[in-house]
């Protein structure tokens, strides 16, 4: 069980740590990347060495958040994780770092309390929103890179400020960043994050929308991403990370399910909901978790079996 600490204690930890590795989750998104690299930049301002560690490569569209200078190579004295609710989210690095995380800063309601010290705000829009307050407590002077990282994390985890997790603090902190750094082209960040798509991604969206399944009287939709679909249509699987929002687009849908084929009959499951259903509770039943309106898990089996398991779980949730 973690030692639950407050923001001043987190700030004190960061002031006293040395030579830190910052762990972010597999399939890195804007929030974990923004969290990791903003924390690295803040620790540098405090005179500390640190580097961001991820089992997967950072997608090219997020490279503008990375520091210009190469990361140093050094053994870690401290292990910190950001935006990671579970050690399994370290991917292949879990074996190396499980049980060794001294501080976790997170915003997932499904956090497993695996770190020695934990600061988690389940109501925050993003890990970047949580870190924004920690950095203000530290009293460091923000840089344009830190501002870009924090803005990108908050923007991406809120779907450009339209998801229900977007709160008054989210808008306040973004407003403060914009006033402090008016020269940053936030509109271009939004365009890169939400509007610009590769031909591969556009093909994937067209196929997923055309093959979308409707269940439970139209209250639940489901899309499949299989290896065969990707191969036949020359779709790069890296271009399909954002497809999870598609099932919620039809009118009247309350829960959207996305299944992505992995290896050996394993499927990555993403659940999204609009209002009533807590999809984190559903995913926790299958060893996963996440947020009330956005969560995920992994299931192994035949596609028809997995579909039935998920639809039964969603039906129960809609009926409760």
Protein backbone atom coordinates (compact mmCIF):
# COMPACT_ATOMS: atom_id res chain seq x y z
CA UNK A 1 0.00 0.00 0.00
CA UNK A 2 1.31 3.42 -0.95
CA UNK A 3 2.01 6.28 1.40
CA UNK A 4 -0.53 8.88 0.27
CA UNK A 5 1.11 12.29 0.22
CA UNK A 6 0.06 15.85 -0.64
CA UNK A 7 1.41 18.41 -3.11
CA UNK A 8 3.93 20.00 -0.69
CA UNK A 9 5.29 16.53 0.07
CA UNK A 10 5.63 15.77 -3.66
CA UNK A 11 7.46 19.07 -4.12
CA UNK A 12 9.76 18.18 -1.23
CA UNK A 13 10.46 14.78 -2.76
CA UNK A 14 11.41 16.34 -6.09
CA UNK A 15 13.68 18.88 -4.40
CA UNK A 16 15.56 16.10 -2.64
CA UNK A 17 15.74 13.42 -5.33
CA UNK A 18 18.84 12.84 -7.45
CA UNK A 19 19.48 11.02 -10.74
CA UNK A 20 15.88 10.06 -11.43
CA UNK A 21 14.35 7.82 -14.08
CA UNK A 22 10.85 8.97 -15.07
CA UNK A 23 8.68 6.06 -16.25
CA UNK A 24 5.80 6.64 -18.68
CA UNK A 25 3.37 4.07 -20.02
CA UNK A 26 3.43 1.93 -23.15
CA UNK A 27 1.67 3.25 -26.26
CA UNK A 28 2.61 6.74 -25.04
CA UNK A 29 0.04 9.50 -25.51
CA UNK A 30 0.16 13.26 -25.15
CA UNK A 31 -0.48 13.26 -21.41
CA UNK A 32 2.20 10.79 -20.37
CA UNK A 33 4.72 12.30 -22.81
CA UNK A 34 3.92 15.84 -21.67
CA UNK A 35 4.10 14.72 -18.04
CA UNK A 36 7.39 12.90 -18.42
CA UNK A 37 9.26 15.53 -20.37
CA UNK A 38 7.90 18.48 -18.41
CA UNK A 39 9.05 16.78 -15.21
CA UNK A 40 12.47 16.19 -16.73
CA UNK A 41 12.69 19.90 -17.61
CA UNK A 42 11.58 20.95 -14.12
CA UNK A 43 14.11 18.66 -12.45
CA UNK A 44 16.80 20.19 -14.66
CA UNK A 45 15.79 23.64 -13.38
CA UNK A 46 16.27 22.23 -9.86
CA UNK A 47 19.77 21.06 -10.79
CA UNK A 48 18.80 17.38 -11.00
CA UNK A 49 19.68 14.81 -13.64
CA UNK A 50 16.78 12.77 -14.99
CA UNK A 51 15.65 10.96 -18.10
CA UNK A 52 12.36 9.67 -19.42
CA UNK A 53 12.04 5.90 -19.84
CA UNK A 54 9.40 4.25 -22.04
CA UNK A 55 9.13 0.71 -23.41
CA UNK A 56 7.79 2.06 -26.72
CA UNK A 57 9.15 4.74 -29.06
CA UNK A 58 7.76 8.26 -28.74
CA UNK A 59 5.48 8.86 -31.78
CA UNK A 60 6.94 11.35 -34.22
CA UNK A 61 4.09 13.83 -33.87
CA UNK A 62 5.12 14.38 -30.23
CA UNK A 63 8.79 15.00 -30.95
CA UNK A 64 8.28 18.75 -30.59
CA UNK A 65 7.93 18.14 -26.84
CA UNK A 66 11.32 16.48 -26.48
CA UNK A 67 14.39 18.39 -25.25
CA UNK A 68 16.91 19.47 -27.86
CA UNK A 69 19.91 18.10 -25.98
CA UNK A 70 20.42 14.30 -25.77
CA UNK A 71 19.61 12.59 -22.50
CA UNK A 72 22.51 11.63 -20.25
CA UNK A 73 23.26 8.02 -19.42
CA UNK A 74 23.52 7.35 -15.68
CA UNK A 75 22.31 4.79 -13.10
CA UNK A 76 19.11 5.73 -11.32
CA UNK A 77 18.96 6.60 -7.65
CA UNK A 78 15.25 7.42 -7.78
CA UNK A 79 12.40 5.94 -9.82
CA UNK A 80 9.35 8.11 -10.52
CA UNK A 81 6.28 7.23 -12.58
CA UNK A 82 3.77 9.64 -14.07
CA UNK A 83 0.35 8.87 -15.57
CA UNK A 84 0.73 5.14 -14.81
CA UNK A 85 -2.07 3.53 -12.80
CA UNK A 86 -0.53 0.07 -12.83
CA UNK A 87 2.96 -1.41 -13.14
CA UNK A 88 1.74 -3.49 -16.08
CA UNK A 89 1.60 -0.20 -17.97
CA UNK A 90 5.40 -0.20 -17.97
CA UNK A 91 5.25 -2.96 -20.60
CA UNK A 92 8.46 -4.90 -20.94
CA UNK A 93 10.04 -2.63 -18.32
CA UNK A 94 7.74 -3.99 -15.61
CA UNK A 95 10.16 -6.79 -14.75
CA UNK A 96 12.95 -4.26 -14.18
CA UNK A 97 11.06 -1.60 -12.24
CA UNK A 98 8.17 -3.38 -10.49
CA UNK A 99 8.31 -2.71 -6.77
CA UNK A 100 10.96 -0.01 -7.19
CA UNK A 101 8.88 3.13 -7.87
CA UNK A 102 9.41 5.64 -5.07
CA UNK A 103 6.93 8.25 -6.32
CA UNK A 104 3.88 8.03 -8.56
CA UNK A 105 1.93 11.09 -9.73
CA UNK A 106 -1.32 10.08 -11.39
CA UNK A 107 -4.94 10.95 -12.12
CA UNK A 108 -6.48 7.50 -12.72
CA UNK A 109 -9.24 6.38 -10.38
CA UNK A 110 -8.01 2.81 -10.95
CA UNK A 111 -4.50 3.43 -9.58
CA UNK A 112 -3.18 0.23 -7.96
CA UNK A 113 -1.22 1.99 -5.18
CA UNK A 114 1.99 0.28 -6.26
CA UNK A 115 4.46 3.10 -5.55
CA UNK A 116 6.13 3.83 -2.23
CA UNK A 117 4.64 7.34 -2.33
CA UNK A 118 1.52 8.28 -4.27
CA UNK A 119 -0.17 11.51 -5.19
CA UNK A 120 -3.31 10.92 -7.26
CA UNK A 121 -6.19 13.23 -8.22
CA UNK A 122 -8.93 11.13 -9.86
CA UNK A 123 -10.96 14.23 -10.68
CA UNK A 124 -8.15 15.94 -12.58
CA UNK A 125 -8.35 16.05 -16.37
CA UNK A 126 -4.83 14.74 -16.83
CA UNK A 127 -1.53 14.00 -15.16
CA UNK A 128 -0.28 17.25 -16.67
CA UNK A 129 -2.96 19.16 -14.78
CA UNK A 130 -1.78 17.56 -11.54
CA UNK A 131 1.86 18.31 -12.32
CA UNK A 132 1.03 21.92 -13.17
CA UNK A 133 0.04 22.47 -9.53
CA UNK A 134 3.12 20.66 -8.27
CA UNK A 135 5.40 22.83 -10.40
CA UNK A 136 3.70 25.98 -9.10
CA UNK A 137 4.28 24.71 -5.57
CA UNK A 138 7.96 24.29 -6.44
CA UNK A 139 8.09 27.89 -7.60
CA UNK A 140 10.09 27.13 -10.75
CA UNK A 141 9.99 29.51 -13.70
CA UNK A 142 8.26 27.79 -16.59
CA UNK A 143 9.96 27.53 -19.97
CA UNK A 144 8.26 27.32 -23.38
CA UNK A 145 9.01 23.58 -23.49
CA UNK A 146 7.34 23.02 -20.12
CA UNK A 147 4.33 25.05 -21.27
CA UNK A 148 4.02 23.07 -24.50
CA UNK A 149 4.26 19.78 -22.61
CA UNK A 150 1.60 20.76 -20.08
CA UNK A 151 -0.75 22.22 -22.67
CA UNK A 152 -0.45 19.16 -24.92
CA UNK A 153 -1.14 16.80 -22.03
CA UNK A 154 -4.23 18.66 -20.91
CA UNK A 155 -5.51 19.16 -24.46
CA UNK A 156 -5.10 15.54 -25.55
CA UNK A 157 -6.53 13.93 -22.42
CA UNK A 158 -9.63 16.13 -22.65
CA UNK A 159 -10.20 15.66 -26.39
CA UNK A 160 -9.39 19.34 -26.93
CA UNK A 161 -11.33 20.31 -23.78
CA UNK A 162 -14.61 18.61 -24.68
CA UNK A 163 -14.56 15.50 -22.45
CA UNK A 164 -16.39 15.48 -19.11
CA UNK A 165 -13.07 15.38 -17.23
CA UNK A 166 -12.45 18.99 -18.30
CA UNK A 167 -12.88 21.15 -15.23
CA UNK A 168 -12.56 24.77 -14.21
CA UNK A 169 -8.94 24.21 -13.18
CA UNK A 170 -8.16 22.82 -16.63
CA UNK A 171 -9.33 26.00 -18.32
CA UNK A 172 -7.70 28.19 -15.66
CA UNK A 173 -4.29 26.54 -15.98
CA UNK A 174 -4.39 26.62 -19.79
CA UNK A 175 -5.37 30.29 -19.64
CA UNK A 176 -2.41 31.00 -17.37
CA UNK A 177 -0.06 29.20 -19.75
CA UNK A 178 -1.42 31.17 -22.69
CA UNK A 179 -0.96 34.48 -20.88
CA UNK A 180 2.57 33.57 -19.81
CA UNK A 181 3.61 32.27 -23.24
CA UNK A 182 1.48 34.06 -25.87
CA UNK A 183 4.09 33.29 -28.53
CA UNK A 184 3.31 29.55 -28.52
CA UNK A 185 1.05 28.52 -31.42
CA UNK A 186 -1.54 26.58 -29.45
CA UNK A 187 -3.73 26.45 -32.54
CA UNK A 188 -1.01 24.55 -34.40
CA UNK A 189 -0.62 22.12 -31.50
CA UNK A 190 -4.38 21.46 -31.67
CA UNK A 191 -4.21 20.99 -35.41
CA UNK A 192 -1.33 18.51 -35.11
CA UNK A 193 -3.04 16.60 -32.29
CA UNK A 194 -6.62 16.49 -33.59
CA UNK A 195 -6.94 17.43 -37.25
CA UNK A 196 -3.90 16.26 -39.23
CA UNK A 197 -4.17 12.59 -40.23
CA UNK A 198 -2.11 10.34 -42.43
CA UNK A 199 -3.72 8.63 -45.43
CA UNK A 200 -3.40 5.39 -43.46
CA UNK A 201 -5.38 6.85 -40.55
CA UNK A 202 -8.09 8.18 -42.86
CA UNK A 203 -8.47 4.74 -44.48
CA UNK A 204 -8.72 3.18 -41.02
CA UNK A 205 -11.48 5.58 -39.97
CA UNK A 206 -13.45 4.97 -43.16
CA UNK A 207 -13.27 1.20 -42.70
CA UNK A 208 -14.09 1.25 -38.98
CA UNK A 209 -17.10 3.51 -39.51
CA UNK A 210 -18.41 1.40 -42.40
CA UNK A 211 -18.11 -1.82 -40.35
CA UNK A 212 -19.35 -0.46 -37.02
CA UNK A 213 -21.70 -2.81 -35.16
CA UNK A 214 -24.78 -1.57 -33.28
CA UNK A 215 -25.96 -3.44 -30.18
CA UNK A 216 -28.32 -3.09 -27.20
CA UNK A 217 -30.95 -1.09 -29.08
CA UNK A 218 -28.34 1.25 -30.48
CA UNK A 219 -26.95 2.20 -27.07
CA UNK A 220 -23.67 0.39 -27.66
CA UNK A 221 -21.43 0.34 -30.73
CA UNK A 222 -18.40 -1.80 -31.45
CA UNK A 223 -15.52 -1.63 -33.93
CA UNK A 224 -12.79 -4.17 -34.68
CA UNK A 225 -9.23 -3.54 -35.71
CA UNK A 226 -7.74 -6.82 -36.89
CA UNK A 227 -4.33 -7.57 -38.33
CA UNK A 228 -6.01 -8.73 -41.53
CA UNK A 229 -7.84 -5.41 -41.97
CA UNK A 230 -4.60 -3.49 -41.45
CA UNK A 231 -2.63 -5.67 -43.87
CA UNK A 232 -5.29 -5.73 -46.60
CA UNK A 233 -5.75 -1.96 -46.52
CA UNK A 234 -2.13 -0.95 -45.93
CA UNK A 235 -2.94 0.57 -42.55
CA UNK A 236 -0.10 1.23 -40.14
CA UNK A 237 -1.26 0.08 -36.66
CA UNK A 238 0.48 3.14 -35.21
CA UNK A 239 -2.11 5.28 -37.02
CA UNK A 240 -5.04 3.67 -35.22
CA UNK A 241 -4.39 4.78 -31.64
CA UNK A 242 -7.08 7.47 -31.74
CA UNK A 243 -9.90 5.37 -33.17
CA UNK A 244 -11.44 4.80 -29.75
CA UNK A 245 -13.56 7.94 -30.07
CA UNK A 246 -15.30 6.75 -33.24
CA UNK A 247 -17.87 4.43 -31.59
CA UNK A 248 -19.36 7.34 -29.64
CA UNK A 249 -20.10 9.42 -32.73
CA UNK A 250 -23.54 7.97 -33.64
CA UNK A 251 -26.51 9.67 -32.00
CA UNK A 252 -27.98 7.78 -29.05
CA UNK A 253 -24.86 5.73 -28.24
CA UNK A 254 -23.94 5.52 -24.56
CA UNK A 255 -21.00 3.08 -24.67
CA UNK A 256 -18.44 2.54 -27.42
CA UNK A 257 -16.17 -0.51 -27.63
CA UNK A 258 -12.97 -0.78 -29.65
CA UNK A 259 -11.18 -4.11 -30.01
CA UNK A 260 -7.63 -4.21 -31.39
CA UNK A 261 -6.11 -7.57 -32.24
CA UNK A 262 -2.73 -8.30 -30.68
CA UNK A 263 -0.97 -11.70 -30.64
CA UNK A 264 -2.12 -15.20 -29.67
CA UNK A 265 -5.84 -14.33 -29.60
CA UNK A 266 -5.26 -11.36 -27.29
CA UNK A 267 -7.26 -8.18 -27.85
CA UNK A 268 -6.71 -4.70 -26.45
CA UNK A 269 -10.09 -3.37 -25.35
CA UNK A 270 -10.98 0.31 -25.10
CA UNK A 271 -14.30 1.41 -23.64
CA UNK A 272 -15.73 4.93 -23.83
CA UNK A 273 -18.99 6.25 -22.40
CA UNK A 274 -20.98 9.43 -22.72
CA UNK A 275 -22.75 9.86 -19.40
CA UNK A 276 -24.17 7.09 -17.21
CA UNK A 277 -21.79 4.14 -17.46
CA UNK A 278 -18.59 3.88 -15.44
CA UNK A 279 -16.41 1.99 -17.91
CA UNK A 280 -13.50 1.86 -15.46
CA UNK A 281 -15.56 -0.48 -13.28
CA UNK A 282 -16.22 -2.72 -16.27
CA UNK A 283 -12.55 -2.87 -17.24
CA UNK A 284 -11.46 -3.52 -13.65
CA UNK A 285 -13.47 -6.75 -13.79
CA UNK A 286 -11.07 -7.91 -16.50
CA UNK A 287 -7.83 -6.71 -14.90
CA UNK A 288 -7.80 -3.26 -16.46
CA UNK A 289 -9.00 0.18 -15.47
CA UNK A 290 -8.72 3.84 -16.30
CA UNK A 291 -11.23 6.65 -15.99
CA UNK A 292 -14.97 6.74 -15.44
CA UNK A 293 -15.61 7.65 -19.10
CA UNK A 294 -12.49 6.10 -20.71
CA UNK A 295 -10.86 2.83 -19.73
CA UNK A 296 -9.21 -0.27 -21.12
CA UNK A 297 -8.20 -3.87 -20.53
CA UNK A 298 -6.96 -6.96 -22.37
CA UNK A 299 -8.90 -10.13 -23.11
CA UNK A 300 -7.86 -13.40 -24.69
CA UNK A 301 -10.19 -15.62 -26.68
CA UNK A 302 -12.13 -15.93 -29.87
CA UNK A 303 -13.66 -12.69 -31.19
CA UNK A 304 -17.23 -13.92 -30.76
CA UNK A 305 -16.57 -14.86 -27.12
CA UNK A 306 -14.98 -11.52 -26.34
CA UNK A 307 -17.84 -9.65 -27.99
CA UNK A 308 -20.39 -11.56 -25.88
CA UNK A 309 -18.44 -10.98 -22.63
CA UNK A 310 -18.17 -7.25 -23.23
CA UNK A 311 -21.74 -6.76 -24.43
CA UNK A 312 -23.09 -8.62 -21.38
CA UNK A 313 -21.01 -6.40 -19.10
CA UNK A 314 -22.21 -3.24 -20.84
CA UNK A 315 -25.82 -4.46 -20.75
CA UNK A 316 -25.56 -4.98 -16.98
CA UNK A 317 -24.12 -1.50 -16.54
CA UNK A 318 -26.85 0.11 -18.65
CA UNK A 319 -29.54 -1.72 -16.70
CA UNK A 320 -28.23 -0.70 -13.27
